[in-house]
Structures are given as C-alpha cells and as structure tokens.
N, C-alpha and C. Protein backbone atom coordinates (compact mmCIF):
# COMPACT_ATOMS: atom_id res chain seq x y z
N MET A 1 17.09 9.84 -51.38
CA MET A 1 17.77 9.95 -52.67
C MET A 1 16.88 10.67 -53.67
N ILE A 2 17.36 11.76 -54.23
CA ILE A 2 16.60 12.55 -55.20
C ILE A 2 16.96 12.08 -56.61
N LYS A 3 15.94 11.70 -57.38
CA LYS A 3 16.18 11.26 -58.75
C LYS A 3 16.29 12.50 -59.63
N THR A 4 17.47 12.69 -60.21
CA THR A 4 17.77 13.90 -60.96
C THR A 4 18.22 13.58 -62.37
N GLY A 5 17.56 14.20 -63.34
CA GLY A 5 17.95 14.04 -64.73
C GLY A 5 18.99 15.07 -65.13
N ILE A 6 19.90 14.66 -66.00
CA ILE A 6 20.88 15.57 -66.60
C ILE A 6 20.59 15.57 -68.09
N PHE A 7 20.24 16.72 -68.62
CA PHE A 7 19.95 16.83 -70.05
C PHE A 7 20.81 17.96 -70.61
N GLY A 8 21.91 17.57 -71.24
CA GLY A 8 22.83 18.55 -71.80
C GLY A 8 22.72 18.59 -73.31
N GLY A 9 23.21 19.66 -73.88
CA GLY A 9 23.22 19.77 -75.33
C GLY A 9 23.58 21.17 -75.75
N ALA A 10 23.82 21.33 -77.04
CA ALA A 10 24.13 22.67 -77.56
C ALA A 10 22.89 23.56 -77.46
N PHE A 11 21.70 22.96 -77.67
CA PHE A 11 20.45 23.72 -77.66
C PHE A 11 20.60 24.97 -78.54
N ASN A 12 20.99 24.72 -79.78
CA ASN A 12 21.37 25.79 -80.71
C ASN A 12 20.50 25.78 -81.97
N PRO A 13 19.18 26.03 -81.86
CA PRO A 13 18.43 26.37 -80.66
C PRO A 13 17.74 25.14 -80.06
N VAL A 14 17.18 25.34 -78.87
CA VAL A 14 16.32 24.32 -78.27
C VAL A 14 15.06 24.22 -79.13
N HIS A 15 14.52 23.00 -79.30
CA HIS A 15 13.34 22.82 -80.16
C HIS A 15 12.34 21.86 -79.53
N ASN A 16 11.24 21.65 -80.22
CA ASN A 16 10.15 20.83 -79.67
C ASN A 16 10.58 19.39 -79.39
N GLY A 17 11.54 18.88 -80.13
CA GLY A 17 12.04 17.52 -79.88
C GLY A 17 12.73 17.43 -78.52
N HIS A 18 13.52 18.45 -78.19
CA HIS A 18 14.18 18.49 -76.87
C HIS A 18 13.14 18.53 -75.75
N VAL A 19 12.12 19.37 -75.95
CA VAL A 19 11.11 19.54 -74.92
C VAL A 19 10.34 18.25 -74.69
N ARG A 20 9.94 17.58 -75.77
CA ARG A 20 9.20 16.33 -75.64
C ARG A 20 10.05 15.27 -74.93
N LEU A 21 11.32 15.17 -75.29
CA LEU A 21 12.20 14.20 -74.64
C LEU A 21 12.24 14.48 -73.14
N ALA A 22 12.41 15.75 -72.77
CA ALA A 22 12.49 16.11 -71.35
C ALA A 22 11.20 15.77 -70.62
N GLU A 23 10.06 16.12 -71.21
CA GLU A 23 8.76 15.85 -70.58
C GLU A 23 8.57 14.36 -70.35
N GLU A 24 8.87 13.56 -71.36
CA GLU A 24 8.65 12.11 -71.25
C GLU A 24 9.63 11.46 -70.28
N ALA A 25 10.87 11.94 -70.27
CA ALA A 25 11.86 11.37 -69.35
C ALA A 25 11.47 11.65 -67.90
N VAL A 26 11.01 12.86 -67.62
CA VAL A 26 10.57 13.21 -66.26
C VAL A 26 9.44 12.28 -65.83
N GLU A 27 8.50 12.06 -66.74
CA GLU A 27 7.35 11.21 -66.42
C GLU A 27 7.76 9.74 -66.26
N GLN A 28 8.49 9.20 -67.23
CA GLN A 28 8.83 7.78 -67.20
C GLN A 28 9.79 7.41 -66.07
N LEU A 29 10.76 8.30 -65.79
CA LEU A 29 11.77 7.99 -64.78
C LEU A 29 11.38 8.53 -63.39
N LYS A 30 10.24 9.25 -63.33
CA LYS A 30 9.76 9.85 -62.06
C LYS A 30 10.84 10.75 -61.45
N LEU A 31 11.38 11.63 -62.30
CA LEU A 31 12.44 12.53 -61.84
C LEU A 31 11.86 13.65 -60.98
N LYS A 32 12.58 13.98 -59.92
CA LYS A 32 12.18 15.09 -59.05
C LYS A 32 12.82 16.39 -59.54
N LYS A 33 13.97 16.24 -60.21
CA LYS A 33 14.70 17.42 -60.67
C LYS A 33 15.25 17.11 -62.06
N LEU A 34 15.30 18.13 -62.91
CA LEU A 34 15.88 17.97 -64.25
C LEU A 34 16.81 19.14 -64.50
N LEU A 35 18.11 18.85 -64.59
CA LEU A 35 19.10 19.89 -64.85
C LEU A 35 19.30 20.01 -66.36
N ILE A 36 18.95 21.16 -66.90
CA ILE A 36 19.15 21.44 -68.32
C ILE A 36 20.50 22.14 -68.43
N ILE A 37 21.42 21.53 -69.18
CA ILE A 37 22.80 22.05 -69.19
C ILE A 37 23.24 22.41 -70.61
N PRO A 38 23.13 23.70 -70.96
CA PRO A 38 23.65 24.11 -72.27
C PRO A 38 25.17 23.93 -72.31
N THR A 39 25.65 23.38 -73.40
CA THR A 39 27.09 23.19 -73.61
C THR A 39 27.77 24.56 -73.65
N PHE A 40 28.94 24.64 -73.04
CA PHE A 40 29.69 25.89 -73.12
C PHE A 40 30.59 25.87 -74.37
N ASP A 41 31.39 24.82 -74.50
CA ASP A 41 32.30 24.70 -75.65
C ASP A 41 32.30 23.22 -76.06
N SER A 42 31.52 22.90 -77.08
CA SER A 42 31.33 21.50 -77.45
C SER A 42 32.57 20.91 -78.13
N PRO A 43 33.02 19.73 -77.65
CA PRO A 43 34.15 19.07 -78.32
C PRO A 43 33.72 18.38 -79.62
N HIS A 44 32.39 18.23 -79.82
CA HIS A 44 31.89 17.46 -80.97
C HIS A 44 31.38 18.30 -82.13
N LYS A 45 30.91 19.51 -81.84
CA LYS A 45 30.21 20.28 -82.88
C LYS A 45 31.12 21.32 -83.52
N ASP A 46 31.08 21.35 -84.85
CA ASP A 46 31.85 22.36 -85.58
C ASP A 46 31.03 23.63 -85.78
N THR A 47 29.70 23.49 -85.66
CA THR A 47 28.81 24.62 -85.87
C THR A 47 29.11 25.72 -84.86
N LYS A 48 29.10 26.96 -85.32
CA LYS A 48 29.28 28.09 -84.41
C LYS A 48 28.04 28.19 -83.51
N LEU A 49 28.27 28.18 -82.22
CA LEU A 49 27.16 28.24 -81.28
C LEU A 49 26.73 29.68 -81.06
N ALA A 50 25.42 29.87 -80.90
CA ALA A 50 24.91 31.17 -80.47
C ALA A 50 25.48 31.44 -79.08
N PRO A 51 25.55 32.70 -78.66
CA PRO A 51 26.11 33.01 -77.33
C PRO A 51 25.43 32.19 -76.23
N PHE A 52 26.23 31.81 -75.23
CA PHE A 52 25.73 30.97 -74.14
C PHE A 52 24.48 31.56 -73.49
N ASP A 53 24.51 32.87 -73.19
CA ASP A 53 23.38 33.49 -72.49
C ASP A 53 22.10 33.40 -73.31
N ASP A 54 22.21 33.50 -74.63
CA ASP A 54 21.02 33.38 -75.49
C ASP A 54 20.49 31.95 -75.45
N ARG A 55 21.38 30.98 -75.51
CA ARG A 55 20.93 29.58 -75.48
C ARG A 55 20.32 29.23 -74.12
N ALA A 56 20.90 29.78 -73.05
CA ALA A 56 20.36 29.54 -71.70
C ALA A 56 18.96 30.16 -71.58
N GLU A 57 18.78 31.37 -72.12
CA GLU A 57 17.47 32.03 -72.05
C GLU A 57 16.44 31.25 -72.87
N MET A 58 16.84 30.75 -74.04
CA MET A 58 15.90 29.93 -74.84
C MET A 58 15.50 28.69 -74.05
N CYS A 59 16.45 28.09 -73.34
CA CYS A 59 16.13 26.92 -72.51
C CYS A 59 15.15 27.28 -71.39
N ARG A 60 15.35 28.44 -70.77
CA ARG A 60 14.43 28.88 -69.71
C ARG A 60 13.01 28.97 -70.27
N ARG A 61 12.89 29.52 -71.47
CA ARG A 61 11.57 29.68 -72.08
C ARG A 61 10.98 28.33 -72.51
N ALA A 62 11.83 27.41 -72.92
CA ALA A 62 11.35 26.13 -73.45
C ALA A 62 10.98 25.13 -72.35
N PHE A 63 11.75 25.10 -71.28
CA PHE A 63 11.58 24.06 -70.25
C PHE A 63 10.92 24.59 -68.97
N GLY A 64 10.60 25.87 -68.92
CA GLY A 64 10.08 26.49 -67.71
C GLY A 64 8.81 25.85 -67.16
N HIS A 65 8.02 25.21 -68.03
CA HIS A 65 6.75 24.62 -67.58
C HIS A 65 6.93 23.25 -66.94
N ILE A 66 8.12 22.67 -67.04
CA ILE A 66 8.36 21.32 -66.51
C ILE A 66 8.73 21.42 -65.03
N GLU A 67 7.94 20.77 -64.19
CA GLU A 67 8.19 20.83 -62.75
C GLU A 67 9.55 20.23 -62.42
N GLY A 68 10.34 20.96 -61.65
CA GLY A 68 11.66 20.49 -61.24
C GLY A 68 12.77 20.82 -62.22
N ALA A 69 12.44 21.44 -63.36
CA ALA A 69 13.48 21.78 -64.35
C ALA A 69 14.25 23.02 -63.91
N GLU A 70 15.58 22.95 -64.03
CA GLU A 70 16.45 24.08 -63.70
C GLU A 70 17.46 24.22 -64.83
N ILE A 71 17.78 25.45 -65.20
CA ILE A 71 18.81 25.69 -66.20
C ILE A 71 20.12 25.87 -65.45
N SER A 72 21.14 25.08 -65.82
CA SER A 72 22.42 25.12 -65.11
C SER A 72 23.51 25.70 -66.01
N ASP A 73 24.34 26.58 -65.42
CA ASP A 73 25.47 27.13 -66.18
C ASP A 73 26.78 26.46 -65.76
N ILE A 74 26.67 25.22 -65.27
CA ILE A 74 27.85 24.53 -64.73
C ILE A 74 28.98 24.41 -65.76
N GLU A 75 28.63 24.22 -67.04
CA GLU A 75 29.71 24.04 -68.02
C GLU A 75 30.41 25.37 -68.32
N ARG A 76 29.70 26.47 -68.20
CA ARG A 76 30.37 27.78 -68.34
C ARG A 76 31.28 27.99 -67.13
N THR A 77 30.79 27.63 -65.94
CA THR A 77 31.58 27.79 -64.72
C THR A 77 32.85 26.95 -64.78
N LEU A 78 32.72 25.71 -65.29
CA LEU A 78 33.89 24.83 -65.40
C LEU A 78 34.86 25.34 -66.45
N GLY A 79 34.34 25.97 -67.53
CA GLY A 79 35.20 26.50 -68.59
C GLY A 79 35.81 25.39 -69.44
N GLY A 80 36.46 25.77 -70.52
CA GLY A 80 37.11 24.80 -71.41
C GLY A 80 36.11 23.94 -72.15
N LYS A 81 36.60 22.88 -72.78
CA LYS A 81 35.73 21.96 -73.51
C LYS A 81 34.76 21.29 -72.54
N SER A 82 33.52 21.12 -73.00
CA SER A 82 32.48 20.55 -72.14
C SER A 82 32.42 19.03 -72.32
N TYR A 83 33.12 18.31 -71.46
CA TYR A 83 33.08 16.85 -71.51
C TYR A 83 32.09 16.35 -70.46
N THR A 84 31.24 15.42 -70.86
CA THR A 84 30.17 14.93 -69.98
C THR A 84 30.72 14.38 -68.67
N ILE A 85 31.82 13.63 -68.71
CA ILE A 85 32.34 13.02 -67.49
C ILE A 85 32.74 14.09 -66.47
N THR A 86 33.32 15.19 -66.94
CA THR A 86 33.73 16.28 -66.04
C THR A 86 32.51 16.91 -65.39
N THR A 87 31.47 17.16 -66.21
CA THR A 87 30.23 17.76 -65.71
C THR A 87 29.57 16.85 -64.68
N VAL A 88 29.47 15.56 -65.01
CA VAL A 88 28.83 14.59 -64.11
C VAL A 88 29.55 14.56 -62.76
N ARG A 89 30.85 14.51 -62.78
CA ARG A 89 31.60 14.42 -61.51
C ARG A 89 31.43 15.68 -60.67
N GLU A 90 31.37 16.82 -61.34
CA GLU A 90 31.16 18.08 -60.61
C GLU A 90 29.75 18.09 -60.00
N LEU A 91 28.76 17.62 -60.76
CA LEU A 91 27.38 17.58 -60.24
C LEU A 91 27.27 16.65 -59.04
N LYS A 92 28.00 15.55 -59.07
CA LYS A 92 27.95 14.60 -57.95
C LYS A 92 28.54 15.21 -56.68
N LYS A 93 29.52 16.11 -56.87
CA LYS A 93 30.07 16.82 -55.71
C LYS A 93 29.06 17.84 -55.17
N LEU A 94 28.38 18.53 -56.10
CA LEU A 94 27.42 19.57 -55.71
C LEU A 94 26.16 18.99 -55.08
N TYR A 95 25.75 17.82 -55.58
CA TYR A 95 24.50 17.19 -55.11
C TYR A 95 24.76 15.74 -54.68
N PRO A 96 25.45 15.57 -53.55
CA PRO A 96 25.84 14.21 -53.14
C PRO A 96 24.67 13.28 -52.82
N GLU A 97 23.50 13.85 -52.56
CA GLU A 97 22.33 13.04 -52.22
C GLU A 97 21.56 12.56 -53.44
N ASP A 98 21.91 13.06 -54.62
CA ASP A 98 21.11 12.78 -55.81
C ASP A 98 21.56 11.51 -56.54
N ARG A 99 20.59 10.87 -57.18
CA ARG A 99 20.88 9.75 -58.07
C ARG A 99 20.65 10.27 -59.48
N PHE A 100 21.68 10.21 -60.33
CA PHE A 100 21.64 10.89 -61.63
C PHE A 100 21.29 9.97 -62.80
N PHE A 101 20.50 10.54 -63.70
CA PHE A 101 20.11 9.87 -64.95
C PHE A 101 20.52 10.79 -66.09
N LEU A 102 21.43 10.33 -66.93
CA LEU A 102 21.89 11.13 -68.07
C LEU A 102 20.99 10.85 -69.27
N LEU A 103 20.31 11.89 -69.76
CA LEU A 103 19.40 11.73 -70.88
C LEU A 103 20.11 12.05 -72.18
N ILE A 104 20.02 11.13 -73.14
CA ILE A 104 20.59 11.40 -74.46
C ILE A 104 19.56 11.04 -75.53
N GLY A 105 19.64 11.72 -76.65
CA GLY A 105 18.75 11.40 -77.76
C GLY A 105 19.14 10.07 -78.37
N GLY A 106 18.17 9.42 -78.98
CA GLY A 106 18.44 8.12 -79.61
C GLY A 106 19.55 8.20 -80.64
N ASP A 107 19.66 9.34 -81.32
CA ASP A 107 20.69 9.51 -82.34
C ASP A 107 22.10 9.49 -81.74
N MET A 108 22.21 9.80 -80.45
CA MET A 108 23.52 9.83 -79.78
C MET A 108 23.96 8.44 -79.30
N LEU A 109 23.00 7.53 -79.15
CA LEU A 109 23.30 6.24 -78.55
C LEU A 109 24.35 5.46 -79.32
N PHE A 110 24.19 5.39 -80.64
CA PHE A 110 25.07 4.52 -81.42
C PHE A 110 26.51 5.04 -81.51
N GLY A 111 26.71 6.28 -81.12
CA GLY A 111 28.08 6.81 -81.06
C GLY A 111 28.57 6.97 -79.63
N PHE A 112 27.79 6.46 -78.68
CA PHE A 112 28.13 6.70 -77.27
C PHE A 112 29.49 6.09 -76.91
N ASP A 113 29.83 4.99 -77.54
CA ASP A 113 31.12 4.36 -77.21
C ASP A 113 32.31 5.15 -77.76
N LYS A 114 32.06 6.26 -78.45
CA LYS A 114 33.13 7.14 -78.92
C LYS A 114 33.27 8.36 -78.00
N TRP A 115 32.35 8.50 -77.04
CA TRP A 115 32.41 9.64 -76.12
C TRP A 115 33.67 9.55 -75.26
N TYR A 116 34.18 10.68 -74.88
CA TYR A 116 35.36 10.75 -74.02
C TYR A 116 35.04 10.07 -72.68
N ARG A 117 35.82 9.02 -72.35
CA ARG A 117 35.69 8.26 -71.10
C ARG A 117 34.27 7.73 -70.87
N TYR A 118 33.69 7.17 -71.94
CA TYR A 118 32.30 6.72 -71.86
C TYR A 118 32.10 5.63 -70.80
N GLU A 119 33.11 4.77 -70.59
CA GLU A 119 32.95 3.71 -69.59
C GLU A 119 32.83 4.31 -68.19
N SER A 120 33.57 5.38 -67.95
CA SER A 120 33.48 6.07 -66.65
C SER A 120 32.10 6.68 -66.47
N ILE A 121 31.55 7.23 -67.56
CA ILE A 121 30.19 7.81 -67.49
C ILE A 121 29.20 6.73 -67.07
N LEU A 122 29.31 5.55 -67.69
CA LEU A 122 28.39 4.45 -67.38
C LEU A 122 28.51 4.02 -65.91
N ASN A 123 29.69 4.17 -65.33
CA ASN A 123 29.88 3.80 -63.93
C ASN A 123 29.35 4.86 -62.96
N GLU A 124 29.25 6.10 -63.44
CA GLU A 124 28.87 7.22 -62.57
C GLU A 124 27.37 7.50 -62.56
N VAL A 125 26.70 7.29 -63.71
CA VAL A 125 25.27 7.64 -63.83
C VAL A 125 24.54 6.56 -64.61
N LYS A 126 23.21 6.59 -64.54
CA LYS A 126 22.38 5.73 -65.38
C LYS A 126 22.14 6.48 -66.69
N VAL A 127 22.59 5.91 -67.80
CA VAL A 127 22.39 6.55 -69.11
C VAL A 127 21.05 6.09 -69.67
N CYS A 128 20.23 7.05 -70.10
CA CYS A 128 18.91 6.76 -70.66
C CYS A 128 18.82 7.38 -72.05
N ALA A 129 18.62 6.53 -73.05
CA ALA A 129 18.54 6.99 -74.43
C ALA A 129 17.09 6.98 -74.88
N ALA A 130 16.63 8.09 -75.45
CA ALA A 130 15.24 8.21 -75.90
C ALA A 130 15.11 7.70 -77.33
N ALA A 131 14.28 6.67 -77.49
CA ALA A 131 14.02 6.13 -78.83
C ALA A 131 13.09 7.08 -79.55
N ARG A 132 13.42 7.40 -80.80
CA ARG A 132 12.62 8.38 -81.54
C ARG A 132 11.47 7.73 -82.30
N ASP A 133 11.64 6.50 -82.72
CA ASP A 133 10.55 5.86 -83.46
C ASP A 133 10.64 4.35 -83.26
N ASN A 134 9.56 3.64 -83.58
CA ASN A 134 9.50 2.19 -83.32
C ASN A 134 10.54 1.42 -84.13
N ASP A 135 10.88 1.92 -85.32
CA ASP A 135 11.86 1.22 -86.15
C ASP A 135 13.21 1.10 -85.47
N SER A 136 13.61 2.16 -84.76
CA SER A 136 14.93 2.14 -84.15
C SER A 136 14.94 1.46 -82.79
N LEU A 137 13.77 1.21 -82.22
CA LEU A 137 13.71 0.70 -80.85
C LEU A 137 14.43 -0.64 -80.70
N THR A 138 14.20 -1.56 -81.62
CA THR A 138 14.85 -2.88 -81.53
C THR A 138 16.36 -2.74 -81.62
N ASP A 139 16.84 -1.96 -82.59
CA ASP A 139 18.29 -1.74 -82.74
C ASP A 139 18.87 -1.12 -81.48
N MET A 140 18.14 -0.15 -80.94
CA MET A 140 18.62 0.53 -79.74
C MET A 140 18.70 -0.42 -78.56
N MET A 141 17.66 -1.26 -78.41
CA MET A 141 17.65 -2.23 -77.30
C MET A 141 18.85 -3.18 -77.41
N GLU A 142 19.13 -3.64 -78.62
CA GLU A 142 20.26 -4.56 -78.82
C GLU A 142 21.58 -3.87 -78.49
N PHE A 143 21.75 -2.65 -79.00
CA PHE A 143 22.99 -1.90 -78.76
C PHE A 143 23.16 -1.62 -77.27
N ALA A 144 22.08 -1.19 -76.62
CA ALA A 144 22.12 -0.88 -75.19
C ALA A 144 22.48 -2.12 -74.38
N ALA A 145 21.94 -3.27 -74.78
CA ALA A 145 22.23 -4.52 -74.08
C ALA A 145 23.71 -4.88 -74.21
N GLU A 146 24.26 -4.66 -75.42
CA GLU A 146 25.70 -4.94 -75.64
C GLU A 146 26.56 -4.02 -74.78
N MET A 147 26.17 -2.75 -74.70
CA MET A 147 26.95 -1.77 -73.93
C MET A 147 26.78 -2.02 -72.43
N GLY A 148 25.59 -2.46 -72.03
CA GLY A 148 25.29 -2.63 -70.61
C GLY A 148 25.03 -1.29 -69.96
N LYS A 149 24.25 -1.29 -68.90
CA LYS A 149 23.99 -0.11 -68.08
C LYS A 149 23.31 1.04 -68.82
N ILE A 150 22.72 0.78 -69.98
CA ILE A 150 21.99 1.84 -70.68
C ILE A 150 20.52 1.44 -70.77
N LYS A 151 19.65 2.37 -70.40
CA LYS A 151 18.21 2.13 -70.46
C LYS A 151 17.66 2.85 -71.70
N VAL A 152 16.81 2.18 -72.45
CA VAL A 152 16.16 2.80 -73.60
C VAL A 152 14.75 3.23 -73.20
N LEU A 153 14.44 4.50 -73.45
CA LEU A 153 13.11 5.04 -73.14
C LEU A 153 12.30 5.15 -74.43
N PRO A 154 11.24 4.38 -74.58
CA PRO A 154 10.39 4.58 -75.76
C PRO A 154 9.65 5.90 -75.61
N THR A 155 9.77 6.80 -76.58
CA THR A 155 9.10 8.10 -76.47
C THR A 155 8.32 8.41 -77.74
N ASN A 156 7.37 9.30 -77.61
CA ASN A 156 6.66 9.83 -78.78
C ASN A 156 7.44 11.06 -79.23
N ALA A 157 8.65 10.83 -79.68
CA ALA A 157 9.56 11.93 -79.98
C ALA A 157 9.13 12.68 -81.23
N VAL A 158 9.54 13.93 -81.25
CA VAL A 158 9.25 14.80 -82.39
C VAL A 158 10.54 14.93 -83.19
N GLU A 159 10.48 14.65 -84.48
CA GLU A 159 11.67 14.77 -85.33
C GLU A 159 11.88 16.23 -85.71
N VAL A 160 12.89 16.83 -85.14
CA VAL A 160 13.23 18.22 -85.46
C VAL A 160 14.74 18.34 -85.49
N SER A 161 15.24 19.22 -86.35
CA SER A 161 16.68 19.43 -86.47
C SER A 161 17.01 20.89 -86.17
N SER A 162 17.96 21.11 -85.27
CA SER A 162 18.40 22.48 -84.98
C SER A 162 18.98 23.14 -86.22
N THR A 163 19.67 22.34 -87.04
CA THR A 163 20.25 22.87 -88.28
C THR A 163 19.15 23.43 -89.19
N GLU A 164 18.06 22.67 -89.32
CA GLU A 164 16.94 23.10 -90.16
C GLU A 164 16.37 24.43 -89.64
N ILE A 165 16.25 24.55 -88.33
CA ILE A 165 15.71 25.79 -87.74
C ILE A 165 16.65 26.96 -88.01
N ARG A 166 17.95 26.74 -87.81
CA ARG A 166 18.92 27.83 -88.07
C ARG A 166 18.86 28.26 -89.54
N ASP A 167 18.78 27.28 -90.43
CA ASP A 167 18.71 27.59 -91.87
C ASP A 167 17.46 28.39 -92.21
N LYS A 168 16.32 27.95 -91.68
CA LYS A 168 15.06 28.66 -91.94
C LYS A 168 15.13 30.09 -91.39
N ALA A 169 15.66 30.23 -90.18
CA ALA A 169 15.76 31.56 -89.57
C ALA A 169 16.67 32.46 -90.41
N ALA A 170 17.78 31.90 -90.89
CA ALA A 170 18.72 32.69 -91.70
C ALA A 170 18.08 33.15 -93.01
N ARG A 171 17.18 32.31 -93.55
CA ARG A 171 16.53 32.64 -94.83
C ARG A 171 15.25 33.45 -94.63
N GLY A 172 14.89 33.69 -93.36
CA GLY A 172 13.67 34.45 -93.08
C GLY A 172 12.40 33.63 -93.27
N GLU A 173 12.54 32.29 -93.24
CA GLU A 173 11.38 31.41 -93.40
C GLU A 173 10.73 31.12 -92.05
N ASP A 174 9.51 30.65 -92.08
CA ASP A 174 8.76 30.36 -90.85
C ASP A 174 9.25 29.06 -90.21
N PHE A 175 9.64 29.15 -88.96
CA PHE A 175 10.08 27.95 -88.21
C PHE A 175 9.28 27.80 -86.92
N SER A 176 8.18 28.55 -86.81
CA SER A 176 7.44 28.63 -85.54
C SER A 176 6.86 27.29 -85.09
N ALA A 177 6.62 26.36 -86.03
CA ALA A 177 6.04 25.07 -85.65
C ALA A 177 7.09 24.13 -85.06
N LEU A 178 8.37 24.49 -85.14
CA LEU A 178 9.45 23.59 -84.73
C LEU A 178 10.00 23.88 -83.33
N VAL A 179 9.65 25.06 -82.80
CA VAL A 179 10.20 25.47 -81.50
C VAL A 179 9.06 25.98 -80.61
N PRO A 180 9.25 25.97 -79.28
CA PRO A 180 8.25 26.56 -78.41
C PRO A 180 8.05 28.05 -78.75
N HIS A 181 6.85 28.55 -78.49
CA HIS A 181 6.49 29.92 -78.86
C HIS A 181 7.49 30.95 -78.32
N GLY A 182 7.83 30.83 -77.05
CA GLY A 182 8.75 31.80 -76.43
C GLY A 182 10.13 31.78 -77.07
N VAL A 183 10.55 30.60 -77.52
CA VAL A 183 11.86 30.47 -78.18
C VAL A 183 11.81 31.15 -79.55
N CYS A 184 10.73 30.93 -80.26
CA CYS A 184 10.54 31.55 -81.58
C CYS A 184 10.61 33.08 -81.45
N GLU A 185 9.89 33.61 -80.49
CA GLU A 185 9.88 35.07 -80.28
C GLU A 185 11.28 35.59 -79.97
N TYR A 186 12.00 34.84 -79.13
CA TYR A 186 13.34 35.28 -78.71
C TYR A 186 14.31 35.29 -79.90
N ILE A 187 14.26 34.24 -80.71
CA ILE A 187 15.15 34.15 -81.88
C ILE A 187 14.90 35.33 -82.82
N LYS A 188 13.63 35.63 -83.05
CA LYS A 188 13.28 36.73 -83.96
C LYS A 188 13.67 38.09 -83.38
N GLU A 189 13.36 38.24 -82.10
CA GLU A 189 13.64 39.51 -81.42
C GLU A 189 15.13 39.83 -81.43
N LYS A 190 15.97 38.80 -81.21
CA LYS A 190 17.42 39.02 -81.11
C LYS A 190 18.16 38.76 -82.43
N ASN A 191 17.40 38.34 -83.47
CA ASN A 191 18.05 38.01 -84.77
C ASN A 191 19.22 37.05 -84.59
N ILE A 192 19.02 36.02 -83.78
CA ILE A 192 20.14 35.16 -83.39
C ILE A 192 20.77 34.44 -84.57
N TYR A 193 19.95 33.93 -85.49
CA TYR A 193 20.52 33.13 -86.58
C TYR A 193 20.46 33.84 -87.92
N SER A 194 20.24 35.16 -87.91
CA SER A 194 20.22 35.87 -89.19
C SER A 194 21.65 35.95 -89.73
N VAL A 195 21.76 35.93 -91.04
CA VAL A 195 23.09 35.97 -91.67
C VAL A 195 23.62 37.39 -91.54
N GLN A 196 24.80 37.51 -90.96
CA GLN A 196 25.39 38.84 -90.76
C GLN A 196 26.06 39.33 -92.02
C-alpha cells in the first residue's frame, strides 16, 4: 500500500505557506507520493484564476524539491467544476493500490462540513488538516473530533495570503519573501498578476 497525499488548491499563486504544509505533511505522514492538484474550475472561489498552465508551472517550481511530489492535471482532464469527491474517486481508480490522505489548510477545516458531499470524502480518504498556530490547535482538535475521521497535523505553518501576493504584484511591490524564488521569477517574467 502506497501512502499518497492529495494536495489540491487554486495555487493562485502557490506560496511559502503551501510549500511548508506539503513538506511537513510528507514528513509527518511518511508519504511516498504527493499529488499536487491545481484546481481547474473552483466551485468556491470568485477570484479570477490565472491560466491553468501558469499555475501548474508555478507548482512545478515550488514543489519540485519534495521527494515523491508530482503535479497532476487530473481536474483539467475531468473538466467542469472541480469537486474534491469527483477527483478523489478518479484517483482511486487510477491508483487502486494507494492509500490516500487529503491535505487541507487549517482555515478550510471549519468549513469542511459545507463541502460538496463531505461525508463521502471522509469515507473515501483520510482528511488531514494542518494547524497553522498553537491558538487554533485546540479548536481544531475539538472540531475534528466532532466530525470524526479527521486528523489534525500540528505544523510550523507560514502565514501567507495569495490575495496579498496578487495585490502586491499588481501594484509592482516586492513579494519575493512570500513565494519560492522560482515562482517569483515566473510571475514577474509572465506578468501574471499585473493589472491589464
């Protein structure tokens, strides 16, 4: 049985917080493989997403150093709105030998019961929520216990916001400390978040 992490998100753009979460999850859960899955068409986000290929390339640059990390275009292949349950079921067909761990940020945990078919997700994979700071850890543990089947991962998470990065990039301000070096270069080179 191969322990495989699923880490999906808009990654608009990917930032140091995403990278830290991935690194710590691989270490704590002893994952052999980590599938990084950029959202194709998010049902939750109103923000206009940068083109899929640009977000996938930023992910390649951000997560390339993590052993076992792969960038997956499964949600583009599936098409339509990107619902986690659909992605998970497709992955289980593609990798029948794998045991899956769905990684979510601590900020997503408290709204997890609003996710489309969240109970089915809990039955299909082990959900692991990354705690961002010690203050939220107790609340997260209580919530996870109420929901059942959710593991809380204490992490040394980095507080970063993709919105803040997009805003800084649009204003021509320095955001290099918030994203991996290769991602910073790519955003600048392609003018991804500059105001048109």
